[in-house]
Amino acid sequence: MKPRYQSASILFLVCTLAFSCSTKSVNEMTDSELKLYADELAHKFIITDGHVDLPYRLRMKNFRLEREYLGIPVSTKEGDFDYERAKKGGLDAPFMSIYIPSTYQLQPDFGKSLADSLINMITGIADAHPDKFAVALSPADVEANFKTGKISLPMGMENGAPVGNDLTNLKYFFDKGIRYITLTHGKDNQICDSSYDTTATSNGLSAFGEQVVAEMNNLGIMVDISHVSDSAFYDVLKITKAPLIASHSSCRKFTPDFQRNMSDDMIKKLGENGGVIQINFGSAFLDSAVRAGNEANRQKLKALLDEKGLKATDSLATPVIEQFQKENPSLFADVKIVADHIDHVVKLSGIDHVGFGSDFDGVGDSLPTGLKDVSQFPNLIYELLKRGYSEADLKKVCGANVLRVWGEVQAYAQSR
């Protein structure tokens, strides 16, 4: 064990370096000083993340709130999120995604019981680790938790299907802690059409969907337009009385054939509405060349397996797949491209309308170089600093923009 005075000396040196960095202009800093400054800012500002799929990842691992499982959200080498890595990266308020796959829309309860179980998981994690996590129901909760060093766990429901055909379910989920709802997911549902679906069931927002948006406004639930079709987005704009969010979307300019991302006009309109687009970190959301290259590899591998009369799940296919992947490695975007998307939103709508919506634990192994898990937010801040973003700018992008929208949505509901 190191002597106490030696540990104190190291702490003093780190603090001195951080102070010296903060008193220099960015142009005067060395690269190492700039990285240290980026890390300092990551822990100075509240960082929100619009979408983290930890609940569904844990569900797939049969997570239970028993003693032997309590360490999983605290420290693990699996997935993209845990407490230790989040603290290292400065992440303070990751919205936990209560993800309802589209197949659950076909069940009698529209996936309501699954939503309940995932919500209970998150509240259970917070109850099990009250010194580390706390459920957040408002921006004030996030700020209070930040001051005490706790990571806030606000919740957003990805796919509004569990609302069913009953508007009272919105109040039910609000009371259970849901603070945004992504109106749909991979298929059209009873609320609106999906960007991944070509059926155009409602040609945008359904008549029931119009009531859903209005009631979400009245309750103070943020309306999330990630995953919705373009026509549904424009329909929502006509209905909403409060700002919208896109919890985990990126810019279609960089992925022209990917309808899941937002067009320039949509980003501009979202800005005019006062809303925020939170950039998705998945490589397929960031770079069409990467997306096309990986798709070409998938097709090539499929053709190879077909030629050998194998399915991907066959044991004999395993060595074939492994060799193919060695010869044809996956392609990844990088942290610079994430910054390009942020730049583009700022150019279109201004600094007040962009944030982070990583989709950690939701996009598999497609995360960009430099942003592989929640510990690496300082890398993105470093890149933005190099591009001239000020502290005031970074505070907004890191979390203040999202907290502002959340507050305005709550204020509208309270004014009713």
Protein backbone atom coordinates (compact mmCIF):
# COMPACT_ATOMS: atom_id res chain seq x y z
CA MET A 1 0.00 0.00 0.00
CA LYS A 2 1.28 3.45 -0.86
CA PRO A 3 1.98 5.85 2.01
CA ARG A 4 -0.84 8.28 2.63
CA TYR A 5 1.35 11.30 1.84
CA GLN A 6 2.25 9.82 -1.56
CA SER A 7 -1.43 9.35 -2.50
CA ALA A 8 -2.12 12.91 -1.37
CA SER A 9 0.76 14.15 -3.53
CA ILE A 10 -0.64 12.39 -6.59
CA LEU A 11 -4.08 13.89 -5.94
CA PHE A 12 -2.52 17.36 -5.57
CA LEU A 13 -0.63 16.92 -8.85
CA VAL A 14 -3.77 15.88 -10.73
CA CYS A 15 -5.73 18.82 -9.33
CA THR A 16 -2.89 21.21 -10.19
CA LEU A 17 -2.74 19.95 -13.78
CA ALA A 18 -6.53 20.24 -14.13
CA PHE A 19 -6.45 23.80 -12.79
CA SER A 20 -3.62 24.79 -15.12
CA CYS A 21 -5.53 23.36 -18.09
CA SER A 22 -8.70 25.25 -17.22
CA THR A 23 -6.80 28.54 -17.02
CA LYS A 24 -5.29 28.13 -20.50
CA SER A 25 -7.10 28.65 -23.76
CA VAL A 26 -7.67 25.53 -25.83
CA ASN A 27 -5.21 26.77 -28.44
CA GLU A 28 -2.49 27.01 -25.78
CA MET A 29 -2.95 23.45 -24.51
CA THR A 30 -0.85 20.48 -25.48
CA ASP A 31 -2.75 17.42 -26.67
CA SER A 32 -2.34 15.72 -23.28
CA GLU A 33 -3.57 18.85 -21.49
CA LEU A 34 -6.58 19.02 -23.80
CA LYS A 35 -7.47 15.41 -23.01
CA LEU A 36 -7.16 16.13 -19.29
CA TYR A 37 -9.38 19.20 -19.74
CA ALA A 38 -11.97 17.10 -21.61
CA ASP A 39 -12.03 14.61 -18.73
CA GLU A 40 -12.40 17.48 -16.25
CA LEU A 41 -15.40 18.85 -18.16
CA ALA A 42 -16.97 15.39 -18.42
CA HIS A 43 -17.12 15.35 -14.63
CA LYS A 44 -17.95 19.02 -14.21
CA PHE A 45 -21.09 19.00 -16.35
CA ILE A 46 -24.15 16.77 -16.06
CA ILE A 47 -24.01 14.28 -18.93
CA THR A 48 -27.31 12.77 -20.01
CA ASP A 49 -27.69 9.91 -22.45
CA GLY A 50 -31.05 9.60 -24.14
CA HIS A 51 -31.00 5.85 -24.57
CA VAL A 52 -29.19 2.99 -22.82
CA ASP A 53 -30.49 -0.56 -23.29
CA LEU A 54 -29.17 -1.99 -20.02
CA PRO A 55 -32.59 -3.33 -18.89
CA TYR A 56 -33.10 -5.52 -21.94
CA ARG A 57 -29.48 -6.72 -21.88
CA LEU A 58 -29.92 -7.81 -18.27
CA ARG A 59 -33.24 -9.45 -19.11
CA MET A 60 -31.55 -11.48 -21.84
CA LYS A 61 -29.06 -12.60 -19.17
CA ASN A 62 -31.96 -13.67 -16.89
CA PHE A 63 -31.01 -10.95 -14.41
CA ARG A 64 -32.65 -11.31 -11.01
CA LEU A 65 -32.34 -9.08 -7.97
CA GLU A 66 -30.73 -11.75 -5.85
CA ARG A 67 -27.51 -11.23 -3.94
CA GLU A 68 -25.26 -12.92 -6.49
CA TYR A 69 -26.59 -10.62 -9.23
CA LEU A 70 -26.32 -7.30 -7.43
CA GLY A 71 -22.83 -6.60 -8.75
CA ILE A 72 -23.78 -6.76 -12.43
CA PRO A 73 -24.76 -3.09 -12.90
CA VAL A 74 -21.83 -2.00 -10.69
CA SER A 75 -18.87 -3.73 -12.32
CA THR A 76 -18.85 -6.08 -15.30
CA LYS A 77 -16.85 -6.69 -18.44
CA GLU A 78 -20.06 -7.45 -20.33
CA GLY A 79 -22.04 -4.92 -22.33
CA ASP A 80 -21.46 -1.19 -22.54
CA PHE A 81 -22.75 0.11 -19.19
CA ASP A 82 -22.02 -0.34 -15.51
CA TYR A 83 -21.54 1.99 -12.56
CA GLU A 84 -17.74 2.00 -12.56
CA ARG A 85 -17.42 2.77 -16.26
CA ALA A 86 -20.16 5.39 -16.11
CA LYS A 87 -18.37 7.19 -13.27
CA LYS A 88 -15.09 7.04 -15.20
CA GLY A 89 -16.77 8.60 -18.25
CA GLY A 90 -18.73 11.23 -16.31
CA LEU A 91 -22.14 9.85 -17.30
CA ASP A 92 -24.74 11.10 -14.80
CA ALA A 93 -28.21 10.48 -16.20
CA PRO A 94 -28.56 7.60 -18.67
CA PHE A 95 -32.19 7.13 -19.65
CA MET A 96 -32.90 3.45 -19.11
CA SER A 97 -34.73 2.08 -22.14
CA ILE A 98 -37.84 0.10 -21.28
CA TYR A 99 -37.67 -1.66 -24.64
CA ILE A 100 -40.74 -3.49 -25.96
CA PRO A 101 -39.99 -5.52 -29.11
CA SER A 102 -42.57 -5.18 -31.86
CA THR A 103 -43.60 -8.82 -31.48
CA TYR A 104 -45.14 -7.92 -28.12
CA GLN A 105 -47.67 -5.70 -29.92
CA LEU A 106 -49.43 -8.93 -30.89
CA GLN A 107 -49.92 -10.08 -27.30
CA PRO A 108 -53.20 -9.47 -25.46
CA ASP A 109 -51.60 -6.92 -23.12
CA PHE A 110 -49.53 -5.27 -25.91
CA GLY A 111 -46.35 -5.87 -23.87
CA LYS A 112 -47.53 -4.12 -20.70
CA SER A 113 -46.32 -6.92 -18.41
CA LEU A 114 -42.87 -6.82 -20.01
CA ALA A 115 -42.73 -3.05 -19.48
CA ASP A 116 -43.67 -3.55 -15.83
CA SER A 117 -40.94 -6.15 -15.31
CA LEU A 118 -38.24 -3.92 -16.83
CA ILE A 119 -39.38 -0.90 -14.81
CA ASN A 120 -39.28 -3.04 -11.67
CA MET A 121 -35.76 -4.14 -12.57
CA ILE A 122 -34.52 -0.54 -12.68
CA THR A 123 -36.23 0.50 -9.46
CA GLY A 124 -34.84 -2.68 -7.91
CA ILE A 125 -31.28 -1.81 -8.96
CA ALA A 126 -31.67 1.66 -7.45
CA ASP A 127 -33.08 0.18 -4.23
CA ALA A 128 -30.25 -2.36 -4.04
CA HIS A 129 -27.53 0.28 -4.50
CA PRO A 130 -28.90 3.49 -2.92
CA ASP A 131 -25.40 4.94 -2.57
CA LYS A 132 -24.77 4.59 -6.32
CA PHE A 133 -28.06 4.86 -8.22
CA ALA A 134 -31.36 6.70 -7.86
CA VAL A 135 -34.42 6.77 -10.08
CA ALA A 136 -34.98 10.30 -11.41
CA LEU A 137 -38.45 11.65 -12.12
CA SER A 138 -37.49 15.23 -12.96
CA PRO A 139 -34.55 17.44 -13.93
CA ALA A 140 -34.44 18.56 -10.28
CA ASP A 141 -33.90 14.92 -9.26
CA VAL A 142 -31.02 14.62 -11.72
CA GLU A 143 -29.38 17.76 -10.37
CA ALA A 144 -29.82 16.65 -6.75
CA ASN A 145 -28.39 13.20 -7.48
CA PHE A 146 -25.44 14.77 -9.31
CA LYS A 147 -24.57 16.81 -6.23
CA THR A 148 -24.47 13.67 -4.09
CA GLY A 149 -22.47 11.67 -6.64
CA LYS A 150 -25.27 9.27 -7.57
CA ILE A 151 -26.05 8.18 -11.11
CA SER A 152 -29.64 9.00 -12.00
CA LEU A 153 -31.74 6.35 -13.73
CA PRO A 154 -34.58 8.14 -15.51
CA MET A 155 -36.71 5.83 -17.65
CA GLY A 156 -38.06 6.06 -21.18
CA MET A 157 -40.29 3.43 -22.79
CA GLU A 158 -39.14 2.42 -26.27
CA ASN A 159 -42.32 1.58 -28.16
CA GLY A 160 -45.67 2.94 -27.04
CA ALA A 161 -47.43 -0.36 -27.75
CA PRO A 162 -48.04 -1.16 -24.02
CA VAL A 163 -50.36 1.85 -23.86
CA GLY A 164 -52.74 -0.47 -25.70
CA ASN A 165 -55.93 1.26 -26.72
CA ASP A 166 -56.47 2.86 -23.32
CA LEU A 167 -55.23 6.40 -22.64
CA THR A 168 -55.35 5.79 -18.89
CA ASN A 169 -52.29 3.58 -19.34
CA LEU A 170 -50.27 6.74 -19.97
CA LYS A 171 -50.97 7.90 -16.42
CA TYR A 172 -50.23 4.36 -15.23
CA PHE A 173 -46.74 4.44 -16.78
CA PHE A 174 -46.11 8.04 -15.71
CA ASP A 175 -46.84 7.03 -12.13
CA LYS A 176 -44.35 4.14 -12.50
CA GLY A 177 -41.62 6.58 -13.56
CA ILE A 178 -41.72 6.67 -17.37
CA ARG A 179 -40.68 10.13 -18.56
CA TYR A 180 -40.55 9.65 -22.31
CA ILE A 181 -42.23 7.28 -24.73
CA THR A 182 -40.84 6.39 -28.16
CA LEU A 183 -44.12 6.21 -30.05
CA THR A 184 -43.28 3.04 -31.96
CA HIS A 185 -40.34 0.77 -32.77
CA GLY A 186 -39.67 -1.58 -35.70
CA LYS A 187 -43.27 -1.98 -36.92
CA ASP A 188 -46.32 0.23 -37.27
CA ASN A 189 -48.41 0.10 -34.11
CA GLN A 190 -51.73 1.49 -32.90
CA ILE A 191 -50.15 4.94 -32.38
CA CYS A 192 -48.19 5.61 -35.56
CA ASP A 193 -46.09 4.24 -38.40
CA SER A 194 -42.47 3.13 -38.07
CA SER A 195 -39.51 4.23 -40.17
CA TYR A 196 -38.57 0.55 -40.50
CA ASP A 197 -41.99 -0.47 -41.84
CA THR A 198 -43.30 0.14 -45.36
CA THR A 199 -46.93 -0.69 -44.63
CA ALA A 200 -47.97 2.93 -43.87
CA THR A 201 -50.83 1.63 -41.72
CA SER A 202 -51.92 5.11 -40.60
CA ASN A 203 -50.00 7.22 -43.13
CA GLY A 204 -48.36 8.83 -40.11
CA LEU A 205 -50.04 9.29 -36.75
CA SER A 206 -53.29 7.40 -36.15
CA ALA A 207 -56.41 9.08 -34.75
CA PHE A 208 -55.65 7.34 -31.46
CA GLY A 209 -52.04 8.48 -31.75
CA GLU A 210 -53.20 12.09 -31.86
CA GLN A 211 -54.91 11.53 -28.51
CA VAL A 212 -51.77 9.86 -27.15
CA VAL A 213 -49.57 12.83 -28.03
CA ALA A 214 -52.01 15.29 -26.49
CA GLU A 215 -52.30 13.24 -23.29
CA MET A 216 -48.52 12.84 -23.03
CA ASN A 217 -48.27 16.63 -23.18
CA ASN A 218 -50.91 16.93 -20.46
CA LEU A 219 -49.11 14.45 -18.18
CA GLY A 220 -45.57 15.72 -18.73
CA ILE A 221 -44.23 12.71 -20.66
CA MET A 222 -41.73 13.67 -23.37
CA VAL A 223 -42.78 12.60 -26.87
CA ASP A 224 -39.91 10.73 -28.52
CA ILE A 225 -39.95 10.67 -32.32
CA SER A 226 -37.02 8.29 -32.83
CA HIS A 227 -38.17 5.29 -34.91
CA VAL A 228 -41.27 7.00 -36.34
CA SER A 229 -41.88 7.49 -40.07
CA ASP A 230 -41.36 10.93 -41.60
CA SER A 231 -45.09 11.46 -41.99
CA ALA A 232 -45.66 10.50 -38.36
CA PHE A 233 -43.00 13.02 -37.29
CA TYR A 234 -44.71 15.85 -39.15
CA ASP A 235 -48.11 14.80 -37.78
CA VAL A 236 -46.74 14.88 -34.22
CA LEU A 237 -45.38 18.38 -34.82
CA LYS A 238 -48.89 19.57 -35.68
CA ILE A 239 -50.33 18.13 -32.47
CA THR A 240 -47.74 18.70 -29.75
CA LYS A 241 -47.89 21.67 -27.41
CA ALA A 242 -44.48 20.93 -25.88
CA PRO A 243 -40.97 20.33 -27.27
CA LEU A 244 -40.13 16.89 -28.66
CA ILE A 245 -37.06 14.71 -28.37
CA ALA A 246 -35.39 12.23 -30.66
CA SER A 247 -33.83 10.08 -27.96
CA HIS A 248 -31.40 8.17 -30.19
CA SER A 249 -31.30 9.28 -33.82
CA SER A 250 -28.64 10.70 -36.12
CA CYS A 251 -28.48 12.79 -39.31
CA ARG A 252 -29.72 11.33 -42.58
CA LYS A 253 -27.28 13.55 -44.48
CA PHE A 254 -24.57 10.99 -43.65
CA THR A 255 -26.81 7.96 -44.35
CA PRO A 256 -29.08 9.01 -47.25
CA ASP A 257 -30.84 5.66 -47.62
CA PHE A 258 -31.45 5.12 -43.90
CA GLN A 259 -34.92 6.42 -43.11
CA ARG A 260 -34.46 5.75 -39.39
CA ASN A 261 -32.27 8.88 -39.19
CA MET A 262 -33.64 12.42 -39.46
CA SER A 263 -33.56 14.55 -42.60
CA ASP A 264 -32.24 18.11 -42.57
CA ASP A 265 -35.77 19.49 -42.73
CA MET A 266 -36.87 17.33 -39.80
CA ILE A 267 -33.88 18.49 -37.74
CA LYS A 268 -34.69 22.12 -38.54
CA LYS A 269 -38.35 21.64 -37.62
CA LEU A 270 -37.37 19.89 -34.39
CA GLY A 271 -35.21 22.90 -33.54
CA GLU A 272 -38.07 25.30 -34.29
CA ASN A 273 -40.21 23.21 -31.94
CA GLY A 274 -37.59 23.71 -29.21
CA GLY A 275 -36.69 20.02 -29.17
CA VAL A 276 -33.44 18.07 -29.12
CA ILE A 277 -31.98 15.34 -31.31
CA GLN A 278 -29.69 13.04 -29.32
CA ILE A 279 -27.09 11.48 -31.60
CA ASN A 280 -27.03 7.68 -31.87
CA PHE A 281 -23.51 6.20 -31.68
CA GLY A 282 -24.19 3.03 -33.72
CA SER A 283 -21.86 2.90 -36.74
CA ALA A 284 -24.79 2.17 -39.08
CA PHE A 285 -26.41 5.42 -37.92
CA LEU A 286 -23.25 7.43 -38.54
CA ASP A 287 -21.67 6.48 -41.86
CA SER A 288 -23.33 5.03 -44.96
CA ALA A 289 -19.99 3.65 -46.23
CA VAL A 290 -19.53 1.66 -43.03
CA ARG A 291 -23.13 0.50 -43.19
CA ALA A 292 -22.76 -0.59 -46.83
CA GLY A 293 -19.45 -2.34 -46.19
CA ASN A 294 -20.81 -4.36 -43.31
CA GLU A 295 -23.94 -5.27 -45.26
CA ALA A 296 -21.77 -6.45 -48.17
CA ASN A 297 -19.84 -8.65 -45.73
CA ARG A 298 -23.07 -10.10 -44.36
CA GLN A 299 -24.26 -11.00 -47.85
CA LYS A 300 -20.88 -12.46 -48.72
CA LEU A 301 -20.91 -14.64 -45.61
CA LYS A 302 -24.46 -15.77 -46.29
CA ALA A 303 -23.50 -16.79 -49.83
CA LEU A 304 -20.50 -18.72 -48.48
CA LEU A 305 -22.63 -20.60 -45.95
CA ASP A 306 -25.29 -21.31 -48.59
CA GLU A 307 -22.61 -22.71 -50.88
CA LYS A 308 -21.54 -25.09 -48.12
CA GLY A 309 -25.12 -25.98 -47.24
CA LEU A 310 -24.80 -24.52 -43.74
CA LYS A 311 -26.90 -22.32 -41.50
CA ALA A 312 -25.24 -19.73 -39.25
CA THR A 313 -26.47 -21.66 -36.18
CA ASP A 314 -24.89 -24.97 -37.28
CA SER A 315 -21.87 -26.10 -35.28
CA LEU A 316 -19.97 -26.78 -38.52
CA ALA A 317 -20.54 -23.14 -39.52
CA THR A 318 -18.60 -21.78 -36.52
CA PRO A 319 -15.07 -22.21 -37.94
CA VAL A 320 -16.24 -20.94 -41.33
CA ILE A 321 -17.68 -17.79 -39.76
CA GLU A 322 -14.60 -17.23 -37.59
CA GLN A 323 -12.25 -17.50 -40.57
CA PHE A 324 -14.46 -15.23 -42.66
CA GLN A 325 -14.47 -12.58 -39.92
CA LYS A 326 -10.68 -12.71 -39.69
CA GLU A 327 -10.40 -12.09 -43.42
CA ASN A 328 -13.30 -9.59 -43.53
CA PRO A 329 -13.29 -7.65 -40.24
CA SER A 330 -16.25 -5.47 -39.32
CA LEU A 331 -16.03 -1.80 -40.21
CA PHE A 332 -16.60 0.92 -37.62
CA ALA A 333 -17.25 4.63 -37.59
CA ASP A 334 -15.18 6.70 -35.15
CA VAL A 335 -15.64 9.45 -32.61
CA LYS A 336 -14.89 12.10 -35.24
CA ILE A 337 -17.97 11.10 -37.23
CA VAL A 338 -20.13 11.43 -34.11
CA ALA A 339 -18.77 14.97 -33.79
CA ASP A 340 -19.61 15.54 -37.48
CA HIS A 341 -23.25 14.74 -36.75
CA ILE A 342 -23.26 17.14 -33.81
CA ASP A 343 -21.68 19.83 -36.01
CA HIS A 344 -24.37 19.27 -38.61
CA VAL A 345 -27.22 19.69 -36.14
CA VAL A 346 -25.63 22.86 -34.75
CA LYS A 347 -25.33 24.22 -38.29
CA LEU A 348 -29.00 23.48 -39.01
CA SER A 349 -30.69 24.29 -35.71
CA GLY A 350 -28.17 25.77 -33.29
CA ILE A 351 -26.33 24.63 -30.20
CA ASP A 352 -29.53 24.33 -28.11
CA HIS A 353 -30.92 21.37 -30.01
CA VAL A 354 -28.41 18.50 -29.86
CA GLY A 355 -27.33 15.97 -27.26
CA PHE A 356 -26.11 12.40 -26.75
CA GLY A 357 -28.31 9.33 -27.35
CA SER A 358 -25.75 6.56 -27.58
CA ASP A 359 -27.92 3.41 -27.82
CA PHE A 360 -25.29 1.70 -25.64
CA ASP A 361 -26.19 -1.97 -25.11
CA GLY A 362 -28.60 -1.65 -28.04
CA VAL A 363 -26.39 -1.64 -31.16
CA GLY A 364 -24.26 -4.69 -30.46
CA ASP A 365 -20.60 -4.48 -31.43
CA SER A 366 -21.13 -1.65 -33.95
CA LEU A 367 -20.04 1.19 -31.64
CA PRO A 368 -17.49 3.61 -33.09
CA THR A 369 -13.79 3.61 -32.33
CA GLY A 370 -13.29 5.85 -29.31
CA LEU A 371 -16.84 5.37 -28.00
CA LYS A 372 -17.02 1.69 -27.20
CA ASP A 373 -18.68 2.08 -23.79
CA VAL A 374 -19.87 4.64 -21.24
CA SER A 375 -16.35 5.29 -19.96
CA GLN A 376 -15.38 7.08 -23.17
CA PHE A 377 -17.52 10.23 -23.19
CA PRO A 378 -14.38 12.35 -22.56
CA ASN A 379 -13.11 11.28 -26.01
CA LEU A 380 -16.11 12.96 -27.63
CA ILE A 381 -15.74 16.07 -25.51
CA TYR A 382 -12.05 16.19 -26.49
CA GLU A 383 -13.01 16.05 -30.17
CA LEU A 384 -15.57 18.84 -29.74
CA LEU A 385 -13.05 20.98 -27.87
CA LYS A 386 -10.66 20.63 -30.80
CA ARG A 387 -13.44 21.93 -33.06
CA GLY A 388 -13.89 25.09 -31.00
CA TYR A 389 -16.83 24.25 -28.78
CA SER A 390 -16.80 26.42 -25.66
CA GLU A 391 -17.54 25.30 -22.10
CA ALA A 392 -20.98 26.88 -22.41
CA ASP A 393 -21.59 24.94 -25.63
CA LEU A 394 -20.43 21.67 -24.13
CA LYS A 395 -22.57 22.08 -21.04
CA LYS A 396 -25.61 22.28 -23.32
CA VAL A 397 -24.64 19.35 -25.52
CA CYS A 398 -23.68 17.15 -22.58
CA GLY A 399 -27.03 17.46 -20.86
CA ALA A 400 -28.43 20.94 -20.33
CA ASN A 401 -30.37 20.88 -23.61
CA VAL A 402 -32.18 17.67 -22.66
CA LEU A 403 -32.84 18.86 -19.10
CA ARG A 404 -34.28 22.09 -20.53
CA VAL A 405 -36.72 20.19 -22.76
CA TRP A 406 -37.67 17.86 -19.92
CA GLY A 407 -38.34 20.88 -17.72
CA GLU A 408 -40.43 22.61 -20.38
CA VAL A 409 -42.51 19.46 -20.92
CA GLN A 410 -43.14 19.26 -17.18
CA ALA A 411 -43.95 22.98 -17.00
CA TYR A 412 -46.54 22.65 -19.76
CA ALA A 413 -48.22 19.77 -17.90
CA GLN A 414 -48.22 21.71 -14.64
CA SER A 415 -49.82 24.70 -16.36
CA ARG A 416 -52.84 22.64 -17.41
